[in-house]
PDB file of N, CA and C in Angstrom:
ATOM      1  N   ALA A   1     -31.661  14.565   9.078  1.00  0.00           N
ATOM      2  CA  ALA A   1     -32.912  13.606   9.675  1.00  0.00           C
ATOM      3  C   ALA A   1     -33.764  14.791  10.851  1.00  0.00           C
ATOM      4  N   VAL A   2     -34.447  14.876  10.317  1.00  0.00           N
ATOM      5  CA  VAL A   2     -35.523  15.590  11.513  1.00  0.00           C
ATOM      6  C   VAL A   2     -35.945  13.902  13.258  1.00  0.00           C
ATOM      7  N   GLY A   3     -34.570  14.614  14.291  1.00  0.00           N
ATOM      8  CA  GLY A   3     -35.517  13.638  15.025  1.00  0.00           C
ATOM      9  C   GLY A   3     -37.464  14.827  16.429  1.00  0.00           C
ATOM     10  N   ALA A   4     -37.775  13.458  17.808  1.00  0.00           N
ATOM     11  CA  ALA A   4     -38.526  14.913  18.312  1.00  0.00           C
ATOM     12  C   ALA A   4     -37.173  14.233  19.565  1.00  0.00           C
ATOM     13  N   ASN A   5     -37.236  15.451  20.458  1.00  0.00           N
ATOM     14  CA  ASN A   5     -36.452  15.721  21.298  1.00  0.00           C
ATOM     15  C   ASN A   5     -37.284  16.216  22.661  1.00  0.00           C
ATOM     16  N   PRO A   6     -37.396  15.250  23.786  1.00  0.00           N
ATOM     17  CA  PRO A   6     -39.213  15.804  24.085  1.00  0.00           C
ATOM     18  C   PRO A   6     -38.291  16.472  25.359  1.00  0.00           C
ATOM     19  N   VAL A   7     -36.737  16.906  25.439  1.00  0.00           N
ATOM     20  CA  VAL A   7     -36.608  18.312  26.299  1.00  0.00           C
ATOM     21  C   VAL A   7     -36.778  18.981  25.299  1.00  0.00           C
ATOM     22  N   LEU A   8     -35.888  19.041  24.266  1.00  0.00           N
ATOM     23  CA  LEU A   8     -35.093  20.997  23.332  1.00  0.00           C
ATOM     24  C   LEU A   8     -36.050  20.492  22.149  1.00  0.00           C
ATOM     25  N   GLY A   9     -37.075  19.829  21.814  1.00  0.00           N
ATOM     26  CA  GLY A   9     -38.860  20.306  20.372  1.00  0.00           C
ATOM     27  C   GLY A   9     -37.692  19.310  20.086  1.00  0.00           C
ATOM     28  N   PRO A  10     -37.875  19.776  18.980  1.00  0.00           N
ATOM     29  CA  PRO A  10     -37.522  19.070  17.447  1.00  0.00           C
ATOM     30  C   PRO A  10     -35.977  18.966  16.927  1.00  0.00           C
ATOM     31  N   VAL A  11     -35.231  18.604  16.868  1.00  0.00           N
ATOM     32  CA  VAL A  11     -33.513  18.132  16.276  1.00  0.00           C
ATOM     33  C   VAL A  11     -33.227  18.037  15.904  1.00  0.00           C
ATOM     34  N   ASP A  12     -32.340  19.205  14.516  1.00  0.00           N
ATOM     35  CA  ASP A  12     -32.710  18.359  12.757  1.00  0.00           C
ATOM     36  C   ASP A  12     -30.035  17.991  13.462  1.00  0.00           C
ATOM     37  N   SER A  13     -30.086  17.352  12.765  1.00  0.00           N
ATOM     38  CA  SER A  13     -28.655  17.069  12.844  1.00  0.00           C
ATOM     39  C   SER A  13     -27.943  16.540  11.828  1.00  0.00           C
ATOM     40  N   ASP A  14     -28.984  17.187  10.795  1.00  0.00           N
ATOM     41  CA  ASP A  14     -27.870  18.147   9.336  1.00  0.00           C
ATOM     42  C   ASP A  14     -26.540  18.859   9.669  1.00  0.00           C
ATOM     43  N   TYR A  15     -25.357  18.392   9.938  1.00  0.00           N
ATOM     44  CA  TYR A  15     -24.852  18.971   9.902  1.00  0.00           C
ATOM     45  C   TYR A  15     -23.587  19.888   8.792  1.00  0.00           C
ATOM     46  N   SER A  16     -24.096  17.891   8.336  1.00  0.00           N
ATOM     47  CA  SER A  16     -23.576  19.182   6.857  1.00  0.00           C
ATOM     48  C   SER A  16     -24.115  20.291   6.088  1.00  0.00           C
ATOM     49  N   ARG A  17     -25.608  20.278   6.381  1.00  0.00           N
ATOM     50  CA  ARG A  17     -26.018  21.789   6.340  1.00  0.00           C
ATOM     51  C   ARG A  17     -25.546  23.643   7.263  1.00  0.00           C
ATOM     52  N   GLY A  18     -24.587  22.784   8.137  1.00  0.00           N
ATOM     53  CA  GLY A  18     -24.337  24.111   8.780  1.00  0.00           C
ATOM     54  C   GLY A  18     -25.893  24.448  10.349  1.00  0.00           C
ATOM     55  N   VAL A  19     -26.616  24.003  10.490  1.00  0.00           N
ATOM     56  CA  VAL A  19     -27.057  23.998  11.299  1.00  0.00           C
ATOM     57  C   VAL A  19     -26.406  22.685  12.306  1.00  0.00           C
ATOM     58  N   PRO A  20     -26.950  23.565  13.605  1.00  0.00           N
ATOM     59  CA  PRO A  20     -26.822  23.637  14.789  1.00  0.00           C
ATOM     60  C   PRO A  20     -27.053  22.626  15.962  1.00  0.00           C
ATOM     61  N   PHE A  21     -25.768  21.530  16.481  1.00  0.00           N
ATOM     62  CA  PHE A  21     -26.573  21.059  17.460  1.00  0.00           C
ATOM     63  C   PHE A  21     -26.836  20.537  18.513  1.00  0.00           C
ATOM     64  N   ASN A  22     -27.939  20.336  18.919  1.00  0.00           N
ATOM     65  CA  ASN A  22     -29.035  20.401  20.319  1.00  0.00           C
ATOM     66  C   ASN A  22     -27.896  19.748  21.492  1.00  0.00           C
ATOM     67  N   SER A  23     -27.273  18.691  21.151  1.00  0.00           N
ATOM     68  CA  SER A  23     -26.974  17.557  21.880  1.00  0.00           C
ATOM     69  C   SER A  23     -25.368  17.156  20.927  1.00  0.00           C
ATOM     70  N   MET A  24     -24.489  16.331  21.822  1.00  0.00           N
ATOM     71  CA  MET A  24     -23.801  15.630  21.329  1.00  0.00           C
ATOM     72  C   MET A  24     -24.492  14.555  20.731  1.00  0.00           C
ATOM     73  N   GLN A  25     -25.264  13.988  21.646  1.00  0.00           N
ATOM     74  CA  GLN A  25     -25.482  13.484  20.750  1.00  0.00           C
ATOM     75  C   GLN A  25     -26.180  12.427  20.101  1.00  0.00           C
ATOM     76  N   ASP A  26     -26.413  13.838  18.755  1.00  0.00           N
ATOM     77  CA  ASP A  26     -26.500  14.301  17.423  1.00  0.00           C
ATOM     78  C   ASP A  26     -25.576  14.479  16.783  1.00  0.00           C
ATOM     79  N   ALA A  27     -24.099  15.489  17.107  1.00  0.00           N
ATOM     80  CA  ALA A  27     -23.513  15.163  16.436  1.00  0.00           C
ATOM     81  C   ALA A  27     -22.357  14.404  15.768  1.00  0.00           C
ATOM     82  N   PRO A  28     -21.549  14.019  14.628  1.00  0.00           N
ATOM     83  CA  PRO A  28     -20.929  13.168  13.971  1.00  0.00           C
ATOM     84  C   PRO A  28     -19.096  13.790  14.840  1.00  0.00           C
ATOM     85  N   ALA A  29     -18.673  12.141  15.028  1.00  0.00           N
ATOM     86  CA  ALA A  29     -18.510  11.149  15.960  1.00  0.00           C
ATOM     87  C   ALA A  29     -16.455  12.326  15.590  1.00  0.00           C
ATOM     88  N   SER A  30     -16.132  13.313  15.048  1.00  0.00           N
ATOM     89  CA  SER A  30     -15.512  14.113  14.450  1.00  0.00           C
ATOM     90  C   SER A  30     -16.387  15.733  15.172  1.00  0.00           C
ATOM     91  N   VAL A  31     -17.212  15.978  15.566  1.00  0.00           N
ATOM     92  CA  VAL A  31     -17.500  17.130  16.292  1.00  0.00           C
ATOM     93  C   VAL A  31     -17.215  16.159  17.819  1.00  0.00           C
ATOM     94  N   TRP A  32     -17.506  14.163  17.965  1.00  0.00           N
ATOM     95  CA  TRP A  32     -17.860  15.091  19.390  1.00  0.00           C
ATOM     96  C   TRP A  32     -16.851  14.774  20.929  1.00  0.00           C
ATOM     97  N   TRP A  33     -15.798  14.191  20.021  1.00  0.00           N
ATOM     98  CA  TRP A  33     -14.008  13.151  19.772  1.00  0.00           C
ATOM     99  C   TRP A  33     -13.431  14.209  20.902  1.00  0.00           C
ATOM    100  N   ILE A  34     -13.767  15.460  19.881  1.00  0.00           N
ATOM    101  CA  ILE A  34     -13.029  17.488  19.929  1.00  0.00           C
ATOM    102  C   ILE A  34     -13.604  17.757  21.591  1.00  0.00           C
ATOM    103  N   ALA A  35     -15.100  17.862  21.888  1.00  0.00           N
ATOM    104  CA  ALA A  35     -15.831  18.281  22.485  1.00  0.00           C
ATOM    105  C   ALA A  35     -15.389  17.094  24.344  1.00  0.00           C
ATOM    106  N   GLU A  36     -15.117  15.953  23.808  1.00  0.00           N
ATOM    107  CA  GLU A  36     -15.705  15.134  25.019  1.00  0.00           C
ATOM    108  C   GLU A  36     -13.344  15.336  25.582  1.00  0.00           C
ATOM    109  N   VAL A  37     -12.220  15.671  24.838  1.00  0.00           N
ATOM    110  CA  VAL A  37     -11.223  15.512  25.321  1.00  0.00           C
ATOM    111  C   VAL A  37     -11.416  16.927  26.847  1.00  0.00           C
ATOM    112  N   PRO A  38     -11.606  16.870  26.711  1.00  0.00           N
ATOM    113  CA  PRO A  38     -10.671  18.964  28.045  1.00  0.00           C
ATOM    114  C   PRO A  38     -11.518  18.079  28.929  1.00  0.00           C
ATOM    115  N   ARG A  39     -12.886  17.215  29.598  1.00  0.00           N
ATOM    116  CA  ARG A  39     -13.667  16.586  30.171  1.00  0.00           C
ATOM    117  C   ARG A  39     -13.990  15.450  30.843  1.00  0.00           C
ATOM    118  N   GLN A  40     -12.557  13.995  29.557  1.00  0.00           N
ATOM    119  CA  GLN A  40     -12.043  13.274  29.610  1.00  0.00           C
ATOM    120  C   GLN A  40     -10.645  12.950  30.837  1.00  0.00           C
ATOM    121  N   VAL A  41     -10.595  14.036  30.399  1.00  0.00           N
ATOM    122  CA  VAL A  41      -8.690  14.735  30.977  1.00  0.00           C
ATOM    123  C   VAL A  41      -8.714  15.237  32.156  1.00  0.00           C
ATOM    124  N   LEU A  42      -9.902  16.004  32.804  1.00  0.00           N
ATOM    125  CA  LEU A  42     -10.152  16.600  33.850  1.00  0.00           C
ATOM    126  C   LEU A  42     -10.244  15.915  34.958  1.00  0.00           C
ATOM    127  N   ALA A  43     -10.853  14.045  34.627  1.00  0.00           N
ATOM    128  CA  ALA A  43     -11.800  13.513  34.635  1.00  0.00           C
ATOM    129  C   ALA A  43     -10.031  12.801  35.587  1.00  0.00           C
ATOM    130  N   LEU A  44      -9.602  12.106  34.798  1.00  0.00           N
ATOM    131  CA  LEU A  44      -8.236  12.184  34.706  1.00  0.00           C
ATOM    132  C   LEU A  44      -7.447  12.417  35.387  1.00  0.00           C
ATOM    133  N   THR A  45      -6.616  13.597  35.545  1.00  0.00           N
ATOM    134  CA  THR A  45      -6.018  14.163  36.108  1.00  0.00           C
ATOM    135  C   THR A  45      -6.770  14.271  38.176  1.00  0.00           C
ATOM    136  N   LYS A  46      -8.000  13.902  37.864  1.00  0.00           N
ATOM    137  CA  LYS A  46      -9.177  14.903  38.980  1.00  0.00           C
ATOM    138  C   LYS A  46      -8.761  12.947  40.139  1.00  0.00           C
ATOM    139  N   LYS A  47      -8.743  12.188  39.257  1.00  0.00           N
ATOM    140  CA  LYS A  47      -8.549  10.659  39.234  1.00  0.00           C
ATOM    141  C   LYS A  47      -7.529  10.351  40.228  1.00  0.00           C
ATOM    142  N   ASN A  48      -5.385  10.772  39.407  1.00  0.00           N
ATOM    143  CA  ASN A  48      -4.550  11.583  39.523  1.00  0.00           C
ATOM    144  C   ASN A  48      -3.965  11.560  40.544  1.00  0.00           C
ATOM    145  N   LEU A  49      -4.599  12.702  40.474  1.00  0.00           N
ATOM    146  CA  LEU A  49      -4.273  13.470  42.173  1.00  0.00           C
ATOM    147  C   LEU A  49      -4.676  12.744  43.081  1.00  0.00           C
ATOM    148  N   ILE A  50      -6.704  12.479  43.386  1.00  0.00           N
ATOM    149  CA  ILE A  50      -7.146  11.403  44.266  1.00  0.00           C
ATOM    150  C   ILE A  50      -6.311  10.034  44.659  1.00  0.00           C
ATOM    151  N   LEU A  51      -5.818   9.399  43.952  1.00  0.00           N
ATOM    152  CA  LEU A  51      -4.819   8.686  44.135  1.00  0.00           C
ATOM    153  C   LEU A  51      -3.521   8.471  44.439  1.00  0.00           C
ATOM    154  N   ALA A  52      -2.643   9.899  43.997  1.00  0.00           N
ATOM    155  CA  ALA A  52      -1.059  10.301  44.465  1.00  0.00           C
ATOM    156  C   ALA A  52      -1.509  10.656  46.302  1.00  0.00           C
ATOM    157  N   ARG A  53      -3.226  11.674  46.369  1.00  0.00           N
ATOM    158  CA  ARG A  53      -3.102  12.177  48.364  1.00  0.00           C
ATOM    159  C   ARG A  53      -3.274  10.322  49.448  1.00  0.00           C
ATOM    160  N   ARG A  54      -4.239   9.594  48.443  1.00  0.00           N
ATOM    161  CA  ARG A  54      -4.077   8.173  49.035  1.00  0.00           C
ATOM    162  C   ARG A  54      -2.966   7.515  49.415  1.00  0.00           C
ATOM    163  N   ASN A  55      -2.395   7.860  48.183  1.00  0.00           N
ATOM    164  CA  ASN A  55      -0.942   6.535  48.465  1.00  0.00           C
ATOM    165  C   ASN A  55       0.339   6.864  48.795  1.00  0.00           C
ATOM    166  N   ARG A  56       0.939   8.385  49.720  1.00  0.00           N
ATOM    167  CA  ARG A  56       1.242   9.009  49.960  1.00  0.00           C
ATOM    168  C   ARG A  56       3.117   8.242  48.808  1.00  0.00           C
ATOM    169  N   THR A  57       2.859   7.324  50.588  1.00  0.00           N
ATOM    170  CA  THR A  57       4.131   6.220  50.293  1.00  0.00           C
ATOM    171  C   THR A  57       3.965   6.128  49.269  1.00  0.00           C
ATOM    172  N   SER A  58       3.749   5.468  48.147  1.00  0.00           N
ATOM    173  CA  SER A  58       4.161   5.049  46.279  1.00  0.00           C
ATOM    174  C   SER A  58       4.668   6.174  45.451  1.00  0.00           C
ATOM    175  N   THR A  59       3.318   6.872  46.133  1.00  0.00           N
ATOM    176  CA  THR A  59       4.326   9.313  45.221  1.00  0.00           C
ATOM    177  C   THR A  59       5.764   9.430  46.032  1.00  0.00           C
ATOM    178  N   LEU A  60       5.716   8.988  46.906  1.00  0.00           N
ATOM    179  CA  LEU A  60       7.120   9.614  47.151  1.00  0.00           C
ATOM    180  C   LEU A  60       7.876   8.545  46.503  1.00  0.00           C
ATOM    181  N   VAL A  61       7.586   7.242  46.868  1.00  0.00           N
ATOM    182  CA  VAL A  61       9.082   6.687  46.520  1.00  0.00           C
ATOM    183  C   VAL A  61       9.075   6.389  44.722  1.00  0.00           C
ATOM    184  N   ARG A  62       8.089   6.993  44.040  1.00  0.00           N
ATOM    185  CA  ARG A  62       8.040   6.738  42.731  1.00  0.00           C
ATOM    186  C   ARG A  62       9.060   8.047  42.489  1.00  0.00           C
ATOM    187  N   THR A  63       8.603   9.419  43.176  1.00  0.00           N
ATOM    188  CA  THR A  63       9.592  10.461  42.831  1.00  0.00           C
ATOM    189  C   THR A  63      11.041  10.050  42.787  1.00  0.00           C
ATOM    190  N   CYS A  64      11.356   9.869  43.963  1.00  0.00           N
ATOM    191  CA  CYS A  64      12.624   9.277  44.494  1.00  0.00           C
ATOM    192  C   CYS A  64      12.908   8.865  43.546  1.00  0.00           C
ATOM    193  N   SER A  65      12.730   8.019  42.689  1.00  0.00           N
ATOM    194  CA  SER A  65      13.767   6.409  42.431  1.00  0.00           C
ATOM    195  C   SER A  65      13.993   7.177  41.144  1.00  0.00           C
ATOM    196  N   SER A  66      12.898   7.893  40.375  1.00  0.00           N
ATOM    197  CA  SER A  66      12.813   8.930  38.797  1.00  0.00           C
ATOM    198  C   SER A  66      14.259   9.596  40.010  1.00  0.00           C
ATOM    199  N   CYS A  67      14.663  10.120  40.221  1.00  0.00           N
ATOM    200  CA  CYS A  67      15.868  11.079  41.053  1.00  0.00           C
ATOM    201  C   CYS A  67      16.827  10.641  41.324  1.00  0.00           C
ATOM    202  N   PHE A  68      16.203   9.168  41.850  1.00  0.00           N
ATOM    203  CA  PHE A  68      17.687   8.068  41.958  1.00  0.00           C
ATOM    204  C   PHE A  68      18.496   8.313  40.408  1.00  0.00           C
ATOM    205  N   PHE A  69      17.712   7.534  39.984  1.00  0.00           N
ATOM    206  CA  PHE A  69      18.592   7.209  38.322  1.00  0.00           C
ATOM    207  C   PHE A  69      18.775   7.578  37.756  1.00  0.00           C
ATOM    208  N   MET A  70      18.005   8.912  37.794  1.00  0.00           N
ATOM    209  CA  MET A  70      18.777  10.276  36.971  1.00  0.00           C
ATOM    210  C   MET A  70      20.456  10.177  37.153  1.00  0.00           C
ATOM    211  N   LEU A  71      20.250  10.795  38.580  1.00  0.00           N
ATOM    212  CA  LEU A  71      21.376  10.548  39.625  1.00  0.00           C
ATOM    213  C   LEU A  71      22.418   9.881  39.236  1.00  0.00           C
ATOM    214  N   MET A  72      21.425   8.582  39.017  1.00  0.00           N
ATOM    215  CA  MET A  72      22.892   7.007  38.789  1.00  0.00           C
ATOM    216  C   MET A  72      23.601   8.389  37.884  1.00  0.00           C
ATOM    217  N   ILE A  73      22.413   7.776  36.888  1.00  0.00           N
ATOM    218  CA  ILE A  73      23.491   8.402  35.433  1.00  0.00           C
ATOM    219  C   ILE A  73      24.181   9.541  35.588  1.00  0.00           C
ATOM    220  N   PHE A  74      23.597  10.097  36.103  1.00  0.00           N
ATOM    221  CA  PHE A  74      24.759  11.123  36.045  1.00  0.00           C
ATOM    222  C   PHE A  74      26.001  11.241  35.442  1.00  0.00           C
ATOM    223  N   LEU A  75      25.806  10.146  37.052  1.00  0.00           N
ATOM    224  CA  LEU A  75      26.697   9.671  38.198  1.00  0.00           C
ATOM    225  C   LEU A  75      28.329   9.157  36.622  1.00  0.00           C
ATOM    226  N   VAL A  76      27.476   8.622  36.498  1.00  0.00           N
ATOM    227  CA  VAL A  76      27.390   7.491  35.339  1.00  0.00           C
ATOM    228  C   VAL A  76      28.542   7.529  34.093  1.00  0.00           C
ATOM    229  N   ASN A  77      27.803   8.758  33.706  1.00  0.00           N
ATOM    230  CA  ASN A  77      28.173   9.641  32.780  1.00  0.00           C
ATOM    231  C   ASN A  77      30.317  10.119  33.501  1.00  0.00           C
ATOM    232  N   GLU A  78      29.704  11.441  34.969  1.00  0.00           N
ATOM    233  CA  GLU A  78      30.691  12.147  35.087  1.00  0.00           C
ATOM    234  C   GLU A  78      31.954  10.743  35.389  1.00  0.00           C
ATOM    235  N   GLY A  79      31.613   9.809  35.558  1.00  0.00           N
ATOM    236  CA  GLY A  79      32.348   8.221  35.319  1.00  0.00           C
ATOM    237  C   GLY A  79      33.376   8.651  34.216  1.00  0.00           C
ATOM    238  N   LEU A  80      32.426   8.119  33.849  1.00  0.00           N
ATOM    239  CA  LEU A  80      33.252   7.376  32.089  1.00  0.00           C
ATOM    240  C   LEU A  80      33.703   9.249  32.194  1.00  0.00           C
ATOM    241  N   LYS A  81      33.348  10.552  31.617  1.00  0.00           N
ATOM    242  CA  LYS A  81      34.467  11.548  31.063  1.00  0.00           C
ATOM    243  C   LYS A  81      36.027  11.278  31.556  1.00  0.00           C
ATOM    244  N   GLY A  82      35.564  10.755  33.250  1.00  0.00           N
ATOM    245  CA  GLY A  82      36.799  11.204  34.111  1.00  0.00           C
ATOM    246  C   GLY A  82      37.981  10.025  33.555  1.00  0.00           C
ATOM    247  N   ARG A  83      37.121   8.011  33.286  1.00  0.00           N
ATOM    248  CA  ARG A  83      38.324   8.013  33.497  1.00  0.00           C
ATOM    249  C   ARG A  83      38.727   7.804  31.719  1.00  0.00           C
ATOM    250  N   TYR A  84      38.334   8.503  30.312  1.00  0.00           N
ATOM    251  CA  TYR A  84      38.469   8.677  29.388  1.00  0.00           C
ATOM    252  C   TYR A  84      39.001  10.021  29.109  1.00  0.00           C
ATOM    253  N   SER A  85      39.436  11.019  29.685  1.00  0.00           N
ATOM    254  CA  SER A  85      39.657  12.241  29.936  1.00  0.00           C
ATOM    255  C   SER A  85      40.807  12.591  29.259  1.00  0.00           C
ATOM    256  N   THR A  86      42.057  11.760  29.796  1.00  0.00           N
ATOM    257  CA  THR A  86      43.294  11.486  28.702  1.00  0.00           C
ATOM    258  C   THR A  86      43.006  10.884  27.020  1.00  0.00           C
ATOM    259  N   LEU A  87      41.885  10.679  26.643  1.00  0.00           N
ATOM    260  CA  LEU A  87      41.901  10.109  25.831  1.00  0.00           C
ATOM    261  C   LEU A  87      41.958  11.303  24.811  1.00  0.00           C
ATOM    262  N   ALA A  88      43.112  11.988  23.253  1.00  0.00           N
ATOM    263  CA  ALA A  88      42.449  12.656  23.132  1.00  0.00           C
ATOM    264  C   ALA A  88      41.570  13.616  22.221  1.00  0.00           C
ATOM    265  N   TYR A  89      40.386  12.091  21.732  1.00  0.00           N
ATOM    266  CA  TYR A  89      39.030  11.401  21.258  1.00  0.00           C
ATOM    267  C   TYR A  89      37.635  12.181  22.210  1.00  0.00           C
ATOM    268  N   PHE A  90      38.299  12.352  23.937  1.00  0.00           N
ATOM    269  CA  PHE A  90      37.238  13.161  24.585  1.00  0.00           C
ATOM    270  C   PHE A  90      37.914  14.479  25.508  1.00  0.00           C
ATOM    271  N   GLN A  91      38.753  14.640  24.675  1.00  0.00           N
ATOM    272  CA  GLN A  91      39.011  16.038  25.335  1.00  0.00           C
ATOM    273  C   GLN A  91      38.688  17.445  24.346  1.00  0.00           C
ATOM    274  N   ASP A  92      39.099  18.065  24.404  1.00  0.00           N
ATOM    275  CA  ASP A  92      38.154  20.041  23.936  1.00  0.00           C
ATOM    276  C   ASP A  92      39.108  20.161  23.859  1.00  0.00           C
ATOM    277  N   LEU A  93      40.888  20.196  22.655  1.00  0.00           N
ATOM    278  CA  LEU A  93      41.018  20.685  21.760  1.00  0.00           C
ATOM    279  C   LEU A  93      41.170  21.645  20.210  1.00  0.00           C
ATOM    280  N   THR A  94      42.021  22.989  21.278  1.00  0.00           N
ATOM    281  CA  THR A  94      42.389  23.710  20.325  1.00  0.00           C
ATOM    282  C   THR A  94      42.463  23.638  19.699  1.00  0.00           C
ATOM    283  N   ASN A  95      43.332  22.783  18.607  1.00  0.00           N
ATOM    284  CA  ASN A  95      44.628  23.178  17.938  1.00  0.00           C
ATOM    285  C   ASN A  95      44.149  21.139  17.297  1.00  0.00           C
ATOM    286  N   SER A  96      43.952  21.271  16.795  1.00  0.00           N
ATOM    287  CA  SER A  96      43.248  19.659  15.859  1.00  0.00           C
ATOM    288  C   SER A  96      44.178  18.915  15.197  1.00  0.00           C
ATOM    289  N   ASN A  97      44.849  19.516  14.909  1.00  0.00           N
ATOM    290  CA  ASN A  97      45.907  19.561  12.999  1.00  0.00           C
ATOM    291  C   ASN A  97      46.423  18.724  14.237  1.00  0.00           C
ATOM    292  N   THR A  98      46.991  19.000  15.005  1.00  0.00           N
ATOM    293  CA  THR A  98      48.314  17.235  15.625  1.00  0.00           C
ATOM    294  C   THR A  98      47.100  15.916  14.968  1.00  0.00           C
ATOM    295  N   LEU A  99      45.791  15.850  15.262  1.00  0.00           N
ATOM    296  CA  LEU A  99      44.927  14.780  15.257  1.00  0.00           C
ATOM    297  C   LEU A  99      45.597  14.261  13.442  1.00  0.00           C
ATOM    298  N   ARG A 100      45.678  15.356  12.750  1.00  0.00           N
ATOM    299  CA  ARG A 100      45.608  14.821  11.757  1.00  0.00           C
ATOM    300  C   ARG A 100      46.221  14.246  11.190  1.00  0.00           C
ATOM    301  N   LYS A 101      46.011  12.648   9.801  1.00  0.00           N
ATOM    302  CA  LYS A 101      46.685  12.431   9.576  1.00  0.00           C
ATOM    303  C   LYS A 101      46.699  12.525   7.711  1.00  0.00           C
ATOM    304  N   GLU A 102      47.015  12.806   7.199  1.00  0.00           N
ATOM    305  CA  GLU A 102      47.153  13.157   5.866  1.00  0.00           C
ATOM    306  C   GLU A 102      47.502  11.814   5.074  1.00  0.00           C
ATOM    307  N   VAL A 103      45.909  11.877   4.586  1.00  0.00           N
ATOM    308  CA  VAL A 103      44.883  10.477   3.513  1.00  0.00           C
ATOM    309  C   VAL A 103      45.833  10.281   2.160  1.00  0.00           C
ATOM    310  N   SER A 104      46.689   9.594   1.752  1.00  0.00           N
ATOM    311  CA  SER A 104      47.785   9.582   0.503  1.00  0.00           C
ATOM    312  C   SER A 104      46.231   9.294  -1.034  1.00  0.00           C
ATOM    313  N   GLY A 105      44.981   9.355  -0.467  1.00  0.00           N
ATOM    314  CA  GLY A 105      44.444   8.655  -1.649  1.00  0.00           C
ATOM    315  C   GLY A 105      44.156   7.534  -1.673  1.00  0.00           C
ATOM    316  N   ILE A 106      42.829   7.083  -2.482  1.00  0.00           N
ATOM    317  CA  ILE A 106      41.625   5.720  -1.990  1.00  0.00           C
ATOM    318  C   ILE A 106      42.301   5.158  -2.838  1.00  0.00           C
ATOM    319  N   PRO A 107      42.680   3.708  -2.062  1.00  0.00           N
ATOM    320  CA  PRO A 107      43.296   2.631  -3.407  1.00  0.00           C
ATOM    321  C   PRO A 107      42.281   2.062  -4.400  1.00  0.00           C
ATOM    322  N   GLU A 108      42.496   1.476  -5.446  1.00  0.00           N
ATOM    323  CA  GLU A 108      41.183   1.165  -6.279  1.00  0.00           C
ATOM    324  C   GLU A 108      41.068  -0.173  -6.148  1.00  0.00           C
ATOM    325  N   CYS A 109      39.846  -0.118  -6.464  1.00  0.00           N
ATOM    326  CA  CYS A 109      39.025  -1.653  -6.194  1.00  0.00           C
ATOM    327  C   CYS A 109      39.704  -2.798  -6.811  1.00  0.00           C
ATOM    328  N   VAL A 110      40.018  -4.525  -5.928  1.00  0.00           N
ATOM    329  CA  VAL A 110      41.171  -5.111  -6.982  1.00  0.00           C
ATOM    330  C   VAL A 110      39.988  -6.471  -7.136  1.00  0.00           C
ATOM    331  N   PRO A 111      39.100  -6.753  -8.573  1.00  0.00           N
ATOM    332  CA  PRO A 111      37.533  -7.370  -8.237  1.00  0.00           C
ATOM    333  C   PRO A 111      38.506  -9.048  -7.466  1.00  0.00           C
ATOM    334  N   LYS A 112      37.607  -9.640  -6.296  1.00  0.00           N
ATOM    335  CA  LYS A 112      38.006 -11.325  -5.547  1.00  0.00           C
ATOM    336  C   LYS A 112      37.294 -12.201  -7.028  1.00  0.00           C
ATOM    337  N   ARG A 113      38.295 -13.283  -6.858  1.00  0.00           N
ATOM    338  CA  ARG A 113      37.372 -14.206  -7.564  1.00  0.00           C
ATOM    339  C   ARG A 113      36.295 -14.624  -6.673  1.00  0.00           C
ATOM    340  N   GLY A 114      34.566 -15.386  -8.193  1.00  0.00           N
ATOM    341  CA  GLY A 114      33.729 -15.611  -7.708  1.00  0.00           C
ATOM    342  C   GLY A 114      32.543 -14.327  -7.562  1.00  0.00           C
ATOM    343  N   TYR A 115      32.837 -13.200  -8.170  1.00  0.00           N
ATOM    344  CA  TYR A 115      32.021 -11.766  -8.157  1.00  0.00           C
ATOM    345  C   TYR A 115      32.765 -11.624  -9.627  1.00  0.00           C
ATOM    346  N   VAL A 116      31.496 -10.871  -9.814  1.00  0.00           N
ATOM    347  CA  VAL A 116      30.604 -10.702 -11.195  1.00  0.00           C
ATOM    348  C   VAL A 116      30.975  -9.341 -11.075  1.00  0.00           C
ATOM    349  N   SER A 117      31.241  -8.310 -11.850  1.00  0.00           N
ATOM    350  CA  SER A 117      30.910  -6.964 -12.024  1.00  0.00           C
ATOM    351  C   SER A 117      30.763  -6.338 -13.521  1.00  0.00           C
TER     352      SER A 117
END
C-alpha cells in the first residue's frame, strides 16, 4: 500500500516486493524489533550505569556480597574435601583394582505373589 508521508513523500510499505522502507514504522514487526534491540540495550546500560553511580554504597554492597558468597561456597567445598579425603571414594587412586569386587553374576528373578508376569 502506498501512503503519503509529509516529510519523505510517498512511502511504499510492501516489504514482500523488496521495496526499502523510509521509516521503521512502515516496516513489519519482524524487521522492526531487530533494529530496536541495540538502541534499547544501550539505553538500559546507560540507565544502569547512572543508577550505579548514584547508589555507590548499594553497588559496593551488591558486588561484595556476591564475592562473599562465592568465598563461602569455596570454603565449604574445601572443608568437605578435607573431611571426606580419607574415604577411598574421594581419593585420587593410582591403582583402583583394590576397590573392585568380583560380581558372581546376576541372580535370577523370583516372581512374587500378587504380581502378574
